[in-house]
Amino acid sequence: IYRDDYKQSFRPLWISNQAKAFFAYWGQVMLMSATLPRAPVLSRLYGIPEDAIFEYEVPSVFPVEHRLIYVKPIAKMTRGTVDVSLPKIIPAIDRILAGYPDKKTLIHSHSNTLRDKIRGMISSAHRSRLMWYDGPTRAQAIRAFTETKEPKVMIAPSMESGVDIPDLTVQILPKVLYPTLGDPWIRKRADEWPEWYTWMTVSNMIQAIGRAP
């Protein structure tokens, strides 16, 4: 059971027993995703025998030159170091925004706390471009960001998947998108199965990068 300021959620820790029955009913099922886990993980997640899973990998339809990733190691952004590291990272964010003044940009802030810290530290030259949301205004804010033709900068968590922004050009990930261990559901899963936590982190990063076509 998980509660926050806006909702209360009830989530089973694992669904392998229920999923196993579901997949057995349908016989053959095709699962498609850019972040589908390999057979050993998929088997444990959904209760499917590993030898019943057949994997097919196809190349990306997006040219490599359209999906470049630039890694700039600047500082460690752990929970204990963020206040020391962020002043070192903000100038890099400012340089990116200055380099793309006419491009719509998404900053994946990982959490609301980090979002607010970055908002308050970004150079005043870029603040008129900023957009953000809290829980109740998420859908409205994402719609406004998607529909605007201005080079706005959305800074927000939880936009690494399920969001389609066709003219998004630049993305900034100031922190690796580890699932938050403040969520007791994630904490319990990570404690029981550390490999799942690693896979989810990689999945989050791939999904986030995929927001820009």
N, C-alpha and C. Protein backbone atom coordinates (compact mmCIF):
# COMPACT_ATOMS: atom_id res chain seq x y z
N ILE A 1 0.86 -1.19 0.00
CA ILE A 1 0.00 0.00 0.00
C ILE A 1 0.90 1.23 0.00
N TYR A 2 0.66 2.14 -0.96
CA TYR A 2 1.50 3.32 -1.10
C TYR A 2 0.64 4.57 -1.16
N ARG A 3 0.99 5.55 -0.36
CA ARG A 3 0.21 6.79 -0.32
C ARG A 3 1.13 7.96 -0.60
N ASP A 4 0.63 8.96 -1.35
CA ASP A 4 1.30 10.24 -1.46
C ASP A 4 0.25 11.34 -1.35
N ASP A 5 0.61 12.54 -1.74
CA ASP A 5 -0.31 13.67 -1.54
C ASP A 5 -1.53 13.60 -2.45
N TYR A 6 -1.47 12.79 -3.51
CA TYR A 6 -2.53 12.83 -4.52
C TYR A 6 -3.31 11.53 -4.67
N LYS A 7 -2.76 10.42 -4.21
CA LYS A 7 -3.44 9.15 -4.46
C LYS A 7 -2.99 8.10 -3.45
N GLN A 8 -3.73 7.01 -3.47
CA GLN A 8 -3.37 5.83 -2.69
C GLN A 8 -3.38 4.64 -3.64
N SER A 9 -2.30 3.87 -3.63
CA SER A 9 -2.16 2.76 -4.57
C SER A 9 -2.03 1.44 -3.82
N PHE A 10 -2.61 0.40 -4.40
CA PHE A 10 -2.49 -0.95 -3.89
C PHE A 10 -1.83 -1.78 -4.99
N ARG A 11 -0.63 -2.29 -4.72
CA ARG A 11 0.10 -3.00 -5.76
C ARG A 11 0.64 -4.32 -5.22
N PRO A 12 0.41 -5.42 -5.94
CA PRO A 12 1.04 -6.67 -5.53
C PRO A 12 2.54 -6.59 -5.77
N LEU A 13 3.33 -7.22 -4.92
CA LEU A 13 4.77 -7.16 -5.08
C LEU A 13 5.20 -7.88 -6.35
N TRP A 14 4.66 -9.06 -6.58
CA TRP A 14 4.96 -9.83 -7.80
C TRP A 14 3.65 -10.34 -8.39
N ILE A 15 3.63 -10.56 -9.69
CA ILE A 15 2.40 -11.03 -10.34
C ILE A 15 2.65 -12.31 -11.14
N SER A 16 3.75 -13.00 -10.86
CA SER A 16 4.13 -14.15 -11.68
C SER A 16 3.06 -15.24 -11.70
N ASN A 17 2.41 -15.49 -10.57
CA ASN A 17 1.38 -16.55 -10.55
C ASN A 17 0.19 -16.18 -11.43
N GLN A 18 -0.28 -14.94 -11.30
CA GLN A 18 -1.41 -14.50 -12.11
C GLN A 18 -1.04 -14.41 -13.59
N ALA A 19 0.15 -13.90 -13.87
CA ALA A 19 0.59 -13.76 -15.25
C ALA A 19 0.78 -15.12 -15.91
N LYS A 20 1.29 -16.07 -15.16
CA LYS A 20 1.49 -17.41 -15.69
C LYS A 20 0.16 -18.00 -16.19
N ALA A 21 -0.88 -17.82 -15.41
CA ALA A 21 -2.20 -18.32 -15.82
C ALA A 21 -2.71 -17.58 -17.04
N PHE A 22 -2.46 -16.28 -17.10
CA PHE A 22 -2.91 -15.47 -18.24
C PHE A 22 -2.24 -15.95 -19.53
N PHE A 23 -0.91 -16.10 -19.50
CA PHE A 23 -0.21 -16.50 -20.71
C PHE A 23 -0.54 -17.93 -21.11
N ALA A 24 -0.79 -18.79 -20.13
CA ALA A 24 -1.17 -20.17 -20.44
C ALA A 24 -2.51 -20.22 -21.16
N TYR A 25 -3.42 -19.31 -20.82
CA TYR A 25 -4.74 -19.27 -21.44
C TYR A 25 -4.65 -18.92 -22.92
N TRP A 26 -3.76 -17.98 -23.27
CA TRP A 26 -3.68 -17.51 -24.66
C TRP A 26 -2.76 -18.36 -25.53
N GLY A 27 -1.93 -19.17 -24.92
CA GLY A 27 -1.08 -20.04 -25.73
C GLY A 27 0.15 -19.34 -26.25
N GLN A 28 -0.01 -18.57 -27.33
CA GLN A 28 1.11 -17.83 -27.89
C GLN A 28 0.86 -16.33 -27.77
N VAL A 29 1.83 -15.62 -27.25
CA VAL A 29 1.70 -14.18 -27.02
C VAL A 29 2.96 -13.49 -27.52
N MET A 30 2.79 -12.39 -28.26
CA MET A 30 3.93 -11.60 -28.69
C MET A 30 4.05 -10.36 -27.81
N LEU A 31 5.20 -10.17 -27.20
CA LEU A 31 5.50 -8.99 -26.40
C LEU A 31 6.50 -8.14 -27.17
N MET A 32 6.22 -6.85 -27.29
CA MET A 32 7.09 -5.96 -28.06
C MET A 32 7.42 -4.73 -27.24
N SER A 33 8.70 -4.40 -27.16
CA SER A 33 9.13 -3.22 -26.43
C SER A 33 10.59 -2.93 -26.73
N ALA A 34 10.95 -1.65 -26.64
CA ALA A 34 12.37 -1.29 -26.78
C ALA A 34 13.16 -1.70 -25.54
N THR A 35 12.46 -1.99 -24.46
CA THR A 35 13.13 -2.31 -23.20
C THR A 35 12.66 -3.65 -22.63
N LEU A 36 12.30 -4.55 -23.49
CA LEU A 36 11.87 -5.87 -23.02
C LEU A 36 13.06 -6.60 -22.41
N PRO A 37 12.91 -7.15 -21.21
CA PRO A 37 14.06 -7.83 -20.59
C PRO A 37 14.37 -9.14 -21.28
N ARG A 38 15.57 -9.64 -21.05
CA ARG A 38 15.96 -10.93 -21.60
C ARG A 38 15.17 -12.05 -20.93
N ALA A 39 15.26 -13.23 -21.53
CA ALA A 39 14.42 -14.36 -21.12
C ALA A 39 14.51 -14.69 -19.63
N PRO A 40 15.69 -14.71 -18.99
CA PRO A 40 15.71 -15.07 -17.57
C PRO A 40 14.90 -14.11 -16.70
N VAL A 41 14.97 -12.82 -17.01
CA VAL A 41 14.20 -11.84 -16.23
C VAL A 41 12.72 -11.97 -16.56
N LEU A 42 12.40 -12.08 -17.83
CA LEU A 42 11.00 -12.20 -18.26
C LEU A 42 10.36 -13.44 -17.64
N SER A 43 11.12 -14.52 -17.58
CA SER A 43 10.61 -15.76 -17.01
C SER A 43 10.23 -15.57 -15.55
N ARG A 44 11.09 -14.92 -14.79
CA ARG A 44 10.80 -14.74 -13.37
C ARG A 44 9.68 -13.73 -13.14
N LEU A 45 9.63 -12.69 -13.96
CA LEU A 45 8.59 -11.67 -13.80
C LEU A 45 7.19 -12.23 -14.06
N TYR A 46 7.06 -13.05 -15.10
CA TYR A 46 5.73 -13.47 -15.55
C TYR A 46 5.46 -14.96 -15.39
N GLY A 47 6.36 -15.68 -14.75
CA GLY A 47 6.11 -17.08 -14.47
C GLY A 47 6.11 -17.96 -15.69
N ILE A 48 6.77 -17.52 -16.77
CA ILE A 48 6.83 -18.30 -18.01
C ILE A 48 8.11 -19.12 -18.00
N PRO A 49 8.03 -20.42 -18.33
CA PRO A 49 9.28 -21.22 -18.40
C PRO A 49 10.25 -20.57 -19.38
N GLU A 50 11.50 -20.50 -18.98
CA GLU A 50 12.48 -19.81 -19.83
C GLU A 50 12.60 -20.46 -21.20
N ASP A 51 12.45 -21.79 -21.28
CA ASP A 51 12.58 -22.45 -22.57
C ASP A 51 11.35 -22.27 -23.46
N ALA A 52 10.32 -21.59 -22.93
CA ALA A 52 9.14 -21.29 -23.74
C ALA A 52 9.18 -19.88 -24.31
N ILE A 53 10.27 -19.16 -24.04
CA ILE A 53 10.40 -17.79 -24.53
C ILE A 53 11.36 -17.76 -25.72
N PHE A 54 10.91 -17.20 -26.82
CA PHE A 54 11.72 -17.09 -28.03
C PHE A 54 11.97 -15.61 -28.31
N GLU A 55 13.24 -15.24 -28.37
CA GLU A 55 13.61 -13.84 -28.47
C GLU A 55 13.99 -13.47 -29.91
N TYR A 56 13.49 -12.31 -30.35
CA TYR A 56 13.85 -11.76 -31.65
C TYR A 56 14.23 -10.29 -31.46
N GLU A 57 15.38 -9.91 -31.96
CA GLU A 57 15.83 -8.54 -31.84
C GLU A 57 15.94 -7.93 -33.23
N VAL A 58 15.35 -6.75 -33.39
CA VAL A 58 15.39 -6.07 -34.69
C VAL A 58 16.09 -4.73 -34.52
N PRO A 59 16.74 -4.23 -35.57
CA PRO A 59 17.46 -2.96 -35.46
C PRO A 59 16.51 -1.78 -35.32
N SER A 60 17.01 -0.70 -34.74
CA SER A 60 16.20 0.51 -34.58
C SER A 60 15.91 1.12 -35.94
N VAL A 61 14.73 1.69 -36.09
CA VAL A 61 14.35 2.36 -37.34
C VAL A 61 14.86 3.79 -37.37
N PHE A 62 15.39 4.29 -36.23
CA PHE A 62 15.91 5.65 -36.17
C PHE A 62 17.40 5.64 -36.52
N PRO A 63 17.83 6.44 -37.49
CA PRO A 63 19.25 6.49 -37.85
C PRO A 63 20.09 6.88 -36.64
N VAL A 64 21.30 6.33 -36.57
CA VAL A 64 22.19 6.59 -35.44
C VAL A 64 22.44 8.09 -35.26
N GLU A 65 22.60 8.80 -36.38
CA GLU A 65 22.90 10.23 -36.29
C GLU A 65 21.74 11.03 -35.70
N HIS A 66 20.56 10.43 -35.60
CA HIS A 66 19.40 11.11 -35.00
C HIS A 66 19.22 10.76 -33.53
N ARG A 67 20.07 9.91 -32.99
CA ARG A 67 19.91 9.49 -31.60
C ARG A 67 21.25 9.46 -30.87
N LEU A 68 21.98 10.55 -31.04
CA LEU A 68 23.29 10.66 -30.40
C LEU A 68 23.14 10.91 -28.89
N ILE A 69 24.03 10.33 -28.13
CA ILE A 69 24.04 10.49 -26.68
C ILE A 69 25.41 11.03 -26.28
N TYR A 70 25.42 12.14 -25.56
CA TYR A 70 26.67 12.73 -25.09
C TYR A 70 26.75 12.56 -23.57
N VAL A 71 27.80 11.90 -23.12
CA VAL A 71 27.99 11.67 -21.69
C VAL A 71 29.05 12.65 -21.19
N LYS A 72 28.68 13.43 -20.19
CA LYS A 72 29.58 14.44 -19.63
C LYS A 72 29.70 14.22 -18.11
N PRO A 73 30.61 13.36 -17.67
CA PRO A 73 30.76 13.14 -16.22
C PRO A 73 31.22 14.42 -15.52
N ILE A 74 30.43 14.90 -14.59
CA ILE A 74 30.76 16.14 -13.88
C ILE A 74 30.82 15.92 -12.38
N ALA A 75 29.80 15.28 -11.83
CA ALA A 75 29.76 15.07 -10.38
C ALA A 75 28.81 13.93 -10.07
N LYS A 76 28.98 13.33 -8.91
CA LYS A 76 28.10 12.27 -8.46
C LYS A 76 26.82 12.86 -7.91
N MET A 77 25.68 12.31 -8.36
CA MET A 77 24.38 12.83 -7.95
C MET A 77 23.65 11.83 -7.05
N THR A 78 24.33 11.36 -6.03
CA THR A 78 23.66 10.50 -5.06
C THR A 78 22.85 11.36 -4.10
N ARG A 79 22.00 10.72 -3.32
CA ARG A 79 21.19 11.48 -2.37
C ARG A 79 22.06 12.28 -1.41
N GLY A 80 23.19 11.72 -1.03
CA GLY A 80 24.05 12.39 -0.06
C GLY A 80 24.94 13.47 -0.65
N THR A 81 25.09 13.49 -1.99
CA THR A 81 26.01 14.45 -2.61
C THR A 81 25.32 15.48 -3.49
N VAL A 82 24.00 15.38 -3.65
CA VAL A 82 23.32 16.22 -4.63
C VAL A 82 23.50 17.71 -4.35
N ASP A 83 23.47 18.11 -3.10
CA ASP A 83 23.59 19.54 -2.80
C ASP A 83 24.97 20.09 -3.13
N VAL A 84 25.98 19.23 -3.04
CA VAL A 84 27.34 19.64 -3.40
C VAL A 84 27.54 19.55 -4.92
N SER A 85 26.94 18.56 -5.53
CA SER A 85 27.17 18.30 -6.95
C SER A 85 26.36 19.21 -7.87
N LEU A 86 25.15 19.56 -7.45
CA LEU A 86 24.27 20.30 -8.35
C LEU A 86 24.86 21.65 -8.79
N PRO A 87 25.51 22.42 -7.91
CA PRO A 87 26.12 23.67 -8.38
C PRO A 87 27.17 23.46 -9.48
N LYS A 88 27.74 22.26 -9.55
CA LYS A 88 28.70 21.95 -10.61
C LYS A 88 27.99 21.57 -11.91
N ILE A 89 26.78 21.01 -11.78
CA ILE A 89 26.05 20.52 -12.94
C ILE A 89 25.22 21.62 -13.60
N ILE A 90 24.71 22.54 -12.82
CA ILE A 90 23.86 23.60 -13.37
C ILE A 90 24.55 24.38 -14.49
N PRO A 91 25.83 24.78 -14.36
CA PRO A 91 26.46 25.48 -15.49
C PRO A 91 26.46 24.69 -16.79
N ALA A 92 26.58 23.36 -16.68
CA ALA A 92 26.53 22.52 -17.88
C ALA A 92 25.13 22.55 -18.50
N ILE A 93 24.11 22.52 -17.64
CA ILE A 93 22.74 22.62 -18.14
C ILE A 93 22.53 23.98 -18.81
N ASP A 94 23.03 25.03 -18.20
CA ASP A 94 22.92 26.37 -18.78
C ASP A 94 23.59 26.44 -20.16
N ARG A 95 24.74 25.79 -20.29
CA ARG A 95 25.45 25.81 -21.57
C ARG A 95 24.66 25.08 -22.64
N ILE A 96 24.03 23.99 -22.28
CA ILE A 96 23.22 23.25 -23.26
C ILE A 96 22.03 24.10 -23.70
N LEU A 97 21.35 24.72 -22.75
CA LEU A 97 20.20 25.55 -23.09
C LEU A 97 20.62 26.74 -23.95
N ALA A 98 21.78 27.32 -23.64
CA ALA A 98 22.27 28.44 -24.44
C ALA A 98 22.66 27.99 -25.85
N GLY A 99 23.11 26.74 -25.96
CA GLY A 99 23.51 26.23 -27.26
C GLY A 99 22.34 25.86 -28.16
N TYR A 100 21.16 25.67 -27.55
CA TYR A 100 19.97 25.31 -28.32
C TYR A 100 18.81 26.23 -27.93
N PRO A 101 18.94 27.52 -28.19
CA PRO A 101 17.92 28.47 -27.74
C PRO A 101 16.60 28.36 -28.48
N ASP A 102 16.61 27.70 -29.65
CA ASP A 102 15.40 27.60 -30.45
C ASP A 102 14.86 26.18 -30.50
N LYS A 103 15.30 25.32 -29.55
CA LYS A 103 14.88 23.92 -29.56
C LYS A 103 14.07 23.58 -28.30
N LYS A 104 13.00 22.85 -28.50
CA LYS A 104 12.23 22.35 -27.37
C LYS A 104 13.07 21.33 -26.61
N THR A 105 13.10 21.45 -25.29
CA THR A 105 14.01 20.66 -24.48
C THR A 105 13.28 20.04 -23.29
N LEU A 106 13.67 18.83 -22.95
CA LEU A 106 13.11 18.14 -21.77
C LEU A 106 14.25 17.79 -20.82
N ILE A 107 14.12 18.25 -19.57
CA ILE A 107 15.08 17.89 -18.52
C ILE A 107 14.41 16.87 -17.61
N HIS A 108 14.94 15.66 -17.59
CA HIS A 108 14.40 14.60 -16.73
C HIS A 108 14.95 14.80 -15.32
N SER A 109 14.11 15.27 -14.43
CA SER A 109 14.61 15.67 -13.11
C SER A 109 14.63 14.55 -12.07
N HIS A 110 14.12 13.38 -12.41
CA HIS A 110 14.14 12.20 -11.53
C HIS A 110 13.19 12.32 -10.34
N SER A 111 13.06 13.51 -9.73
CA SER A 111 12.18 13.68 -8.58
C SER A 111 11.68 15.11 -8.53
N ASN A 112 10.60 15.33 -7.79
CA ASN A 112 10.09 16.68 -7.62
C ASN A 112 11.10 17.57 -6.88
N THR A 113 11.80 16.98 -5.91
CA THR A 113 12.78 17.74 -5.15
C THR A 113 13.90 18.24 -6.05
N LEU A 114 14.42 17.35 -6.90
CA LEU A 114 15.49 17.76 -7.81
C LEU A 114 14.96 18.76 -8.84
N ARG A 115 13.73 18.57 -9.29
CA ARG A 115 13.11 19.54 -10.21
C ARG A 115 13.14 20.94 -9.61
N ASP A 116 12.72 21.06 -8.38
CA ASP A 116 12.65 22.38 -7.75
C ASP A 116 14.03 22.99 -7.52
N LYS A 117 15.00 22.15 -7.20
CA LYS A 117 16.36 22.65 -7.01
C LYS A 117 16.92 23.19 -8.32
N ILE A 118 16.73 22.44 -9.40
CA ILE A 118 17.24 22.87 -10.70
C ILE A 118 16.53 24.14 -11.16
N ARG A 119 15.23 24.19 -10.98
CA ARG A 119 14.47 25.39 -11.36
C ARG A 119 15.02 26.64 -10.68
N GLY A 120 15.36 26.50 -9.42
CA GLY A 120 15.82 27.66 -8.66
C GLY A 120 17.24 28.07 -8.97
N MET A 121 18.01 27.18 -9.63
CA MET A 121 19.42 27.47 -9.86
C MET A 121 19.76 27.77 -11.31
N ILE A 122 18.86 27.44 -12.23
CA ILE A 122 19.12 27.72 -13.64
C ILE A 122 19.28 29.23 -13.85
N SER A 123 20.14 29.58 -14.78
CA SER A 123 20.40 30.99 -15.08
C SER A 123 19.10 31.72 -15.42
N SER A 124 19.01 32.95 -14.96
CA SER A 124 17.81 33.77 -15.23
C SER A 124 17.59 33.96 -16.72
N ALA A 125 18.63 33.80 -17.53
CA ALA A 125 18.50 33.97 -18.98
C ALA A 125 17.58 32.92 -19.59
N HIS A 126 17.39 31.80 -18.89
CA HIS A 126 16.60 30.69 -19.45
C HIS A 126 15.26 30.48 -18.73
N ARG A 127 15.02 31.21 -17.67
CA ARG A 127 13.85 30.91 -16.84
C ARG A 127 12.53 31.17 -17.54
N SER A 128 12.51 32.09 -18.49
CA SER A 128 11.26 32.36 -19.21
C SER A 128 10.84 31.19 -20.09
N ARG A 129 11.77 30.29 -20.35
CA ARG A 129 11.48 29.11 -21.19
C ARG A 129 10.94 27.95 -20.37
N LEU A 130 11.08 27.99 -19.05
CA LEU A 130 10.79 26.83 -18.21
C LEU A 130 9.31 26.52 -18.09
N MET A 131 9.01 25.22 -18.09
CA MET A 131 7.69 24.70 -17.77
C MET A 131 7.89 23.56 -16.78
N TRP A 132 6.87 23.31 -15.93
CA TRP A 132 6.92 22.21 -14.98
C TRP A 132 5.49 21.91 -14.54
N TYR A 133 5.33 20.91 -13.70
CA TYR A 133 4.00 20.57 -13.21
C TYR A 133 4.12 19.93 -11.84
N ASP A 134 3.00 19.90 -11.12
CA ASP A 134 2.89 19.06 -9.94
C ASP A 134 1.90 17.95 -10.29
N GLY A 135 1.60 17.09 -9.35
CA GLY A 135 0.77 15.92 -9.64
C GLY A 135 -0.54 16.22 -10.34
N PRO A 136 -1.39 17.09 -9.79
CA PRO A 136 -2.71 17.33 -10.39
C PRO A 136 -2.67 18.00 -11.75
N THR A 137 -1.59 18.71 -12.09
CA THR A 137 -1.54 19.45 -13.35
C THR A 137 -0.71 18.75 -14.42
N ARG A 138 -0.33 17.50 -14.18
CA ARG A 138 0.58 16.81 -15.09
C ARG A 138 0.03 16.73 -16.51
N ALA A 139 -1.16 16.20 -16.67
CA ALA A 139 -1.72 16.01 -18.02
C ALA A 139 -1.84 17.34 -18.76
N GLN A 140 -2.32 18.35 -18.07
CA GLN A 140 -2.49 19.66 -18.68
C GLN A 140 -1.14 20.26 -19.10
N ALA A 141 -0.13 20.13 -18.25
CA ALA A 141 1.18 20.70 -18.54
C ALA A 141 1.85 19.97 -19.71
N ILE A 142 1.74 18.65 -19.74
CA ILE A 142 2.34 17.89 -20.84
C ILE A 142 1.66 18.22 -22.15
N ARG A 143 0.34 18.39 -22.12
CA ARG A 143 -0.38 18.77 -23.34
C ARG A 143 0.08 20.14 -23.83
N ALA A 144 0.24 21.07 -22.91
CA ALA A 144 0.69 22.42 -23.30
C ALA A 144 2.11 22.37 -23.87
N PHE A 145 2.97 21.57 -23.27
CA PHE A 145 4.34 21.44 -23.76
C PHE A 145 4.37 20.78 -25.14
N THR A 146 3.54 19.79 -25.33
CA THR A 146 3.48 19.09 -26.61
C THR A 146 2.97 19.99 -27.72
N GLU A 147 1.97 20.81 -27.41
CA GLU A 147 1.32 21.61 -28.45
C GLU A 147 2.03 22.93 -28.74
N THR A 148 2.82 23.44 -27.81
CA THR A 148 3.46 24.74 -28.05
C THR A 148 4.49 24.64 -29.18
N LYS A 149 4.62 25.71 -29.93
CA LYS A 149 5.64 25.79 -30.97
C LYS A 149 6.86 26.58 -30.49
N GLU A 150 6.79 27.08 -29.28
CA GLU A 150 7.91 27.83 -28.72
C GLU A 150 8.97 26.86 -28.18
N PRO A 151 10.22 27.32 -28.09
CA PRO A 151 11.31 26.46 -27.61
C PRO A 151 11.32 26.35 -26.08
N LYS A 152 10.25 25.82 -25.54
CA LYS A 152 10.12 25.72 -24.10
C LYS A 152 11.01 24.61 -23.54
N VAL A 153 11.26 24.69 -22.24
CA VAL A 153 12.06 23.69 -21.54
C VAL A 153 11.19 23.10 -20.44
N MET A 154 10.78 21.86 -20.60
CA MET A 154 10.02 21.17 -19.56
C MET A 154 11.01 20.50 -18.62
N ILE A 155 10.86 20.77 -17.33
CA ILE A 155 11.68 20.12 -16.32
C ILE A 155 10.75 19.35 -15.40
N ALA A 156 10.88 18.02 -15.40
CA ALA A 156 9.89 17.22 -14.70
C ALA A 156 10.39 15.80 -14.51
N PRO A 157 9.89 15.10 -13.49
CA PRO A 157 10.14 13.67 -13.34
C PRO A 157 9.05 12.88 -14.07
N SER A 158 9.24 11.60 -14.16
CA SER A 158 8.20 10.67 -14.65
C SER A 158 7.76 10.96 -16.07
N MET A 159 8.69 11.38 -16.93
CA MET A 159 8.35 11.57 -18.33
C MET A 159 9.22 10.70 -19.23
N GLU A 160 9.78 9.64 -18.64
CA GLU A 160 10.64 8.77 -19.44
C GLU A 160 9.86 7.77 -20.29
N SER A 161 8.57 7.63 -20.06
CA SER A 161 7.77 6.71 -20.87
C SER A 161 6.33 7.21 -20.95
N GLY A 162 5.63 6.74 -21.98
CA GLY A 162 4.23 7.09 -22.13
C GLY A 162 3.97 8.51 -22.55
N VAL A 163 4.99 9.21 -23.04
CA VAL A 163 4.84 10.60 -23.47
C VAL A 163 5.37 10.72 -24.89
N ASP A 164 4.58 11.30 -25.78
CA ASP A 164 4.97 11.44 -27.18
C ASP A 164 5.04 12.93 -27.52
N ILE A 165 6.24 13.42 -27.80
CA ILE A 165 6.45 14.84 -28.12
C ILE A 165 7.19 14.88 -29.45
N PRO A 166 6.48 14.94 -30.57
CA PRO A 166 7.10 14.76 -31.89
C PRO A 166 8.23 15.74 -32.20
N ASP A 167 8.15 16.98 -31.74
CA ASP A 167 9.18 17.96 -32.09
C ASP A 167 10.20 18.18 -30.97
N LEU A 168 10.28 17.26 -30.04
CA LEU A 168 11.30 17.34 -28.98
C LEU A 168 12.67 17.06 -29.59
N THR A 169 13.62 17.94 -29.34
CA THR A 169 14.95 17.82 -29.95
C THR A 169 16.04 17.50 -28.95
N VAL A 170 16.01 18.15 -27.80
CA VAL A 170 17.10 18.04 -26.83
C VAL A 170 16.56 17.48 -25.51
N GLN A 171 17.30 16.55 -24.93
CA GLN A 171 16.97 16.03 -23.61
C GLN A 171 18.21 16.10 -22.71
N ILE A 172 17.97 16.39 -21.45
CA ILE A 172 19.05 16.45 -20.47
C ILE A 172 18.70 15.52 -19.31
N LEU A 173 19.61 14.63 -19.00
CA LEU A 173 19.44 13.72 -17.86
C LEU A 173 20.53 14.02 -16.85
N PRO A 174 20.27 14.89 -15.89
CA PRO A 174 21.31 15.28 -14.93
C PRO A 174 21.64 14.19 -13.92
N LYS A 175 20.84 13.14 -13.90
CA LYS A 175 21.05 12.06 -12.92
C LYS A 175 20.57 10.75 -13.54
N VAL A 176 21.28 9.67 -13.26
CA VAL A 176 20.83 8.35 -13.71
C VAL A 176 19.45 8.08 -13.12
N LEU A 177 18.56 7.55 -13.94
CA LEU A 177 17.16 7.38 -13.52
C LEU A 177 16.95 6.09 -12.74
N TYR A 178 17.60 6.01 -11.59
CA TYR A 178 17.35 4.87 -10.70
C TYR A 178 15.92 4.96 -10.18
N PRO A 179 15.19 3.85 -10.15
CA PRO A 179 13.87 3.88 -9.49
C PRO A 179 14.03 4.32 -8.04
N THR A 180 13.14 5.15 -7.57
CA THR A 180 13.29 5.72 -6.24
C THR A 180 13.07 4.68 -5.14
N LEU A 181 14.07 4.53 -4.30
CA LEU A 181 13.96 3.58 -3.20
C LEU A 181 13.11 4.12 -2.06
N GLY A 182 12.64 5.36 -2.21
CA GLY A 182 11.68 5.89 -1.25
C GLY A 182 10.30 5.29 -1.42
N ASP A 183 10.06 4.66 -2.56
CA ASP A 183 8.81 3.93 -2.80
C ASP A 183 8.97 2.55 -2.17
N PRO A 184 8.15 2.20 -1.17
CA PRO A 184 8.34 0.92 -0.47
C PRO A 184 8.18 -0.29 -1.38
N TRP A 185 7.38 -0.17 -2.45
CA TRP A 185 7.21 -1.27 -3.41
C TRP A 185 8.52 -1.52 -4.15
N ILE A 186 9.15 -0.46 -4.60
CA ILE A 186 10.43 -0.59 -5.30
C ILE A 186 11.51 -1.08 -4.34
N ARG A 187 11.53 -0.53 -3.14
CA ARG A 187 12.52 -0.95 -2.15
C ARG A 187 12.42 -2.45 -1.87
N LYS A 188 11.20 -2.95 -1.69
CA LYS A 188 11.01 -4.37 -1.39
C LYS A 188 11.45 -5.24 -2.56
N ARG A 189 11.08 -4.83 -3.79
CA ARG A 189 11.50 -5.59 -4.97
C ARG A 189 13.02 -5.60 -5.11
N ALA A 190 13.64 -4.43 -4.92
CA ALA A 190 15.09 -4.33 -5.06
C ALA A 190 15.81 -5.19 -4.02
N ASP A 191 15.28 -5.23 -2.80
CA ASP A 191 15.89 -6.04 -1.75
C ASP A 191 15.80 -7.53 -2.10
N GLU A 192 14.67 -7.93 -2.67
CA GLU A 192 14.48 -9.35 -2.97
C GLU A 192 15.18 -9.76 -4.26
N TRP A 193 15.35 -8.80 -5.20
CA TRP A 193 15.88 -9.15 -6.52
C TRP A 193 16.68 -7.98 -7.07
N PRO A 194 17.94 -7.83 -6.68
CA PRO A 194 18.76 -6.69 -7.12
C PRO A 194 18.88 -6.58 -8.64
N GLU A 195 18.88 -7.72 -9.35
CA GLU A 195 19.00 -7.68 -10.81
C GLU A 195 17.80 -6.96 -11.44
N TRP A 196 16.63 -7.10 -10.83
CA TRP A 196 15.45 -6.39 -11.33
C TRP A 196 15.66 -4.89 -11.25
N TYR A 197 16.26 -4.43 -10.16
CA TYR A 197 16.50 -3.01 -9.98
C TYR A 197 17.45 -2.48 -11.04
N THR A 198 18.49 -3.25 -11.35
CA THR A 198 19.44 -2.86 -12.40
C THR A 198 18.73 -2.78 -13.75
N TRP A 199 17.92 -3.78 -14.05
CA TRP A 199 17.21 -3.78 -15.33
C TRP A 199 16.26 -2.58 -15.42
N MET A 200 15.55 -2.29 -14.35
CA MET A 200 14.63 -1.15 -14.37
C MET A 200 15.38 0.16 -14.60
N THR A 201 16.56 0.31 -14.03
CA THR A 201 17.35 1.52 -14.22
C THR A 201 17.74 1.68 -15.68
N VAL A 202 18.25 0.60 -16.28
CA VAL A 202 18.61 0.64 -17.70
C VAL A 202 17.39 0.91 -18.55
N SER A 203 16.27 0.26 -18.22
CA SER A 203 15.02 0.47 -18.96
C SER A 203 14.58 1.92 -18.90
N ASN A 204 14.64 2.51 -17.72
CA ASN A 204 14.24 3.92 -17.57
C ASN A 204 15.10 4.83 -18.44
N MET A 205 16.40 4.59 -18.47
CA MET A 205 17.30 5.42 -19.27
C MET A 205 17.01 5.28 -20.75
N ILE A 206 16.80 4.05 -21.22
CA ILE A 206 16.50 3.84 -22.64
C ILE A 206 15.17 4.47 -23.01
N GLN A 207 14.16 4.29 -22.16
CA GLN A 207 12.86 4.88 -22.41
C GLN A 207 12.94 6.40 -22.47
N ALA A 208 13.71 6.99 -21.56
CA ALA A 208 13.83 8.45 -21.53
C ALA A 208 14.47 8.96 -22.81
N ILE A 209 15.55 8.34 -23.20
CA ILE A 209 16.25 8.76 -24.42
C ILE A 209 15.33 8.62 -25.64
N GLY A 210 14.44 7.64 -25.59
CA GLY A 210 13.52 7.43 -26.70
C GLY A 210 12.41 8.45 -26.82
N ARG A 211 12.31 9.42 -25.89
CA ARG A 211 11.28 10.45 -26.02
C ARG A 211 11.55 11.37 -27.20
N ALA A 212 12.80 11.52 -27.60
CA ALA A 212 13.13 12.38 -28.74
C ALA A 212 13.21 11.53 -30.00
N PRO A 213 12.39 11.81 -31.01
CA PRO A 213 12.38 10.96 -32.22
C PRO A 213 13.63 11.20 -33.07
